Amino acid sequence: MLAPLLRSGFPLLLTAFLSLGSDTLSAAETCPNGPLCALHRFSIPAQPLSQALLAFSRQSGLAVLASSELDLARDAPPLDGEMAAREALEYLLRDSGLTFRRVNDQGLVLVPAPVKASRREPATADEEKKPYLDEVVVVASKRRTNLQETPMTVTAIGAKQLQAYRADSLFKLAELVPSLAATRNGDHTASMLYLRGIGSDNYTEAGDSGVATHIDGIYSSRSQGSSALLYDLDRVEVLRGPQGTLFGRNATAGVINYHTARPEAEAFSRFSATFGNYQRRKLNGVVNLPLAGEWALRAAFASDEADGYTEPARGSRFVKSSDRYNNTDRLGVRLSSSWQVNDGINWWASYERFEDRGAGSLPAADHDTPVLLDTPGATDLAQDTVRSRLHWTLENGVGLTYIAGYSRMHRSQIWDGDRSGALGSETDPLQYHQSNHTVWAHHRSVQHELQLKSSDDVPLRWLIAYFDFAEHNDIRFDLEHQSADGSGWGGAPSHSFQQPDRGSRLSAVYGQVDIDLPHRWQLSAGARSGRDRRYDRGGRNIGCPDLIRSDRGGVLGEVAVNQDSAAEGQCFVTNYNDVSQSWNSTTVMARLSYHLNEQALLYLLYAEGFKPGIVQDGGSLAGAYTGTDDPAYRAALTELIATNNSDDPDARAYVEPETSANLELGFKLSFLGNAMTLNGALFNTRYRDLQVSGVTVDNFGFERIHSTNAASATIRGMELELNWATSLSGRLSGFLSLLDARYDHFLAIDNDFPGYGQTWNPSTGNAEIPDQVDFSGNQLKQAPELSFALHYTHSVTVPDVARFTSRLGVRYSDRIYFDEANREQRSGLLLDNSSGLWVEDPNGPAAIVDYQPAYWMWDASVRIEPPAGHWWMELYGENLTDELVRYDVQTPEVSQPEFYLAPPRTFGLRLGVEL
């Protein structure tokens, strides 16, 4: 049982205790009680130890005393991150030959460390100047651990790396993490995430991603909002693979944890500005202010504006460049507070406001083809979020933490759904026209979580927690979709989807135990047991025989109970969505890890994940009724709601949960005196009842989001991550991802080519369903077989002039599919499912239908910092070769398939100052 104590540095403190007497700091005194256990945000650059210790005192509030006889001229390593004061001081004193002790209440005193017998020769001057990587601390395991000692597949990106890579959005983040992909949606202002090919393309209020997002421990259930704008972060941690035991919100694919920067004990302010093409104007700022006692405040903001890069075709409605589609207009403001109430209690809280006033993302064939637009885009999204964490250190190192969060968001949006309508088509019944309009949408969520866990410094560590999360959504989404003859889906040229009360409730108990075994082995086990509920009360899909906005001003009037009961010109209900379902689940995790030595860690992991079912549009009523008071209507509605909640997969208004089970062999290696790390994992993940969503047309001719459960899928792969301090001035980092992600068994109807799916996939041979095809063996969406990235940074200092830091980055991705059908291209002929005959494709051939070909993307930057003065300047360029990169497909069946596109080549200038 001494193994964990040997690794934690206990011998140093124990020897100091024996040699210096009872006033020396003992291991028991270092934690849990006392100021040395309090967490602080440290930002100490590399400098002489004497200056580093002064910075430590200012940022921790602890006095450090030293004799003039001690050598404090040597350089101390840089320190950046949030950690306990004890850990920070030990890190600064590393390799200095010094330790410390506490003298009553007078502070900390530096003393020489006891000398250990060693056969190693003294380090030469050249050896002392060898490059090394900074220690990376993560909380992926709900404990503060060194990344290289954490037996989990996790990518950690610190504040400096985020700034160096200009990772200010989900899409830039995805370029830094193995197997992570981000896509866009236009009419819901949503961003969707995939890890190892698993995510969700259901961007509505009914959908959830397989990748769970947390901000400071608070689950963010909607893909719109503050997680889209990354600013003033301490670090981002991406956990890959099922996460079913350490998070209340279970996840089948992985977890992204955003950790915002905490208030610090030192007053400072930082500001930066970015100017680039497309009139890019971005401002960032941070002001940190310590107050009386152990209380500090921090205010941060980010404002990002840029013109849209979608070129309107001649005949489009005029809008100025700043209001064009694919523009940027976002604002984020965050105020946080950290109060060390006493030695054992710390309270952190924050308030954040996020706004998005952009026109929205618009798909296009490419960046050069103008788009005919009759509906200018406009978004009005505002989100307010409050987060709080109260931590209390009890006796024996046990910690009690209460985490609470509240979020409120409202959104309205209008979006051009056809991208081909001429001016006047929105009011002319003889012209094709489609516009998508979120009249109103509201989201509210509340989270409570209580964690009780043991000290980190004991051989048997445990954690148990209770998690409770509830959200409520309401939305009215209007869609005008008239054909050239004035009709539309099911004879209705406009529809209104109204969900006044749709929500969920998630509650769970979870926990984990870690045991240090002899001979450097460690055993971990955990479980989560929870109940997840989804519901829709009073949700209705409504069809109207004329246009909603132009002819009715958005007022529908009295709505008939169905089309058969509607008078001429009257709107009618097409679908009744009432449903309520709940699911109980238990997932487990088991892990065995082994430290070969201080430079090598191996682990074998088995983990399960669970994602609850989702609700969707329900059934329709047949027959004629006099109104809602008609007894026959009420009886028919009761029967329909029962069908919505039934087990019939073809009639129910919900989709079953999906589950995952992952077996993983991982390793973490350090080389060259900690100048290089290589982390990797081999994994095999089995998915069951995988949730797949798409736009379909039902039997009544109405288009809607429809989800189903793919029978099964298997994902096998390997991921590698490299960090290498190639010299004192150079650093190379990157990743490699190999994926074999395929559906094992998946029978479905092609959503985009329902009558011609056999053109690309074989028929299932079901005579009763001639349109059913077999997707088995097809590649999962957003899962390239090969992808990698490399970033090299090099610094050169010209004495008395400046320090120049250049960075070059390259990313490669193999072919990426956007649809389960894996179509690739259209030849100009389609195979009719029913007749077996080839017929002419009315939209002609297309070389790229539903995938992104393999591509390379290059970035570069040069940063200049003067020897004196706290300012810097950077020139940057992104997508230097102006590669056309598609994120996702919107309409594969038209003559020129349309895609959501990555930005074209961009370049600019960044300026920063610290006061």
Foldseek 3Di string as FASTA:
>chain_A
DCVLVVVVCQVQQVQCCVVPHDQFDHPPNCDDFDLQNDKWFAWAAKAFQVVSVVSLCLFSVFDEDEDPPADRGDIFHTDGGIGGSQVVVCRRCPPRQWDWGHHPPPGIYIDGTDDDDDPDDDDDPVRVFFDFDDFDWDCPVVDTDTPQPDPFPKDKFFPVNCVVQVVFFPCSVQQFDPQKFWFADFFLRFIWIDHQLFFAPPQDPFDATLEWEEEQLHTDGHRDDDNGTDDQFGMKMKGAAWDFFRHLATHGGTYIYTHHDAATSDWWKKKKWWAWPQRWTKIKMKTKAHDPDQKIKMKIKMWIWGFALAAADPQADDDDRRAAARIWTKMKIKMKMWGPPDRFKIKIKMKMKIWTFHQTFDWDLFSPDHFHHHDGKTKTKMKIKMKMKMWGQDPQRKIKIKIKMKMKMKMKIKAFDPRHWGHPQLPDLQAWGKMKIWHMKMKIKIKIKMKIWHHPSDQKIKIKMKIKMKMWMWTKMKMATHHNNNAAFLRFRIKIWTFGTWIKIKIKMKMKIWGQDPQQKIKMKMKMKIKMKTWTDFTFMKGFNHRQCPPPVNDQPDEADAPQADDPRHMYTFFGFGAMDMDIDMWMKIKMKGDPDPFKIKMKIKTKTKDAKTFATAHGDDDYANGPPGPVVVVRVVVRHVQLHDPPQVGHGMEGMKMKMKIKIWMWGADDNNQKIKIKMWMKMKMAQRKHWDWAQDPSRDTDIDIGGFGIKMKTWMKMWMWGPPGNFKIKIKMKIAIDIFRQWGKDADRQCRQFLCQQFNAPPDLVRLRIGTLGGAHRASNFRIKMKMKMKGWDDDPQFKIKIKMKMKIKTAKGFQDSSPRQWAQQWTQGSNPRDIDGQPLGIDRGQTMWHIDMWMKMKMKIGGPDFFKIKMKIKTRVVQDWGFSGWDRRRHNSTIGRTDDGIMIIMMMMHMD
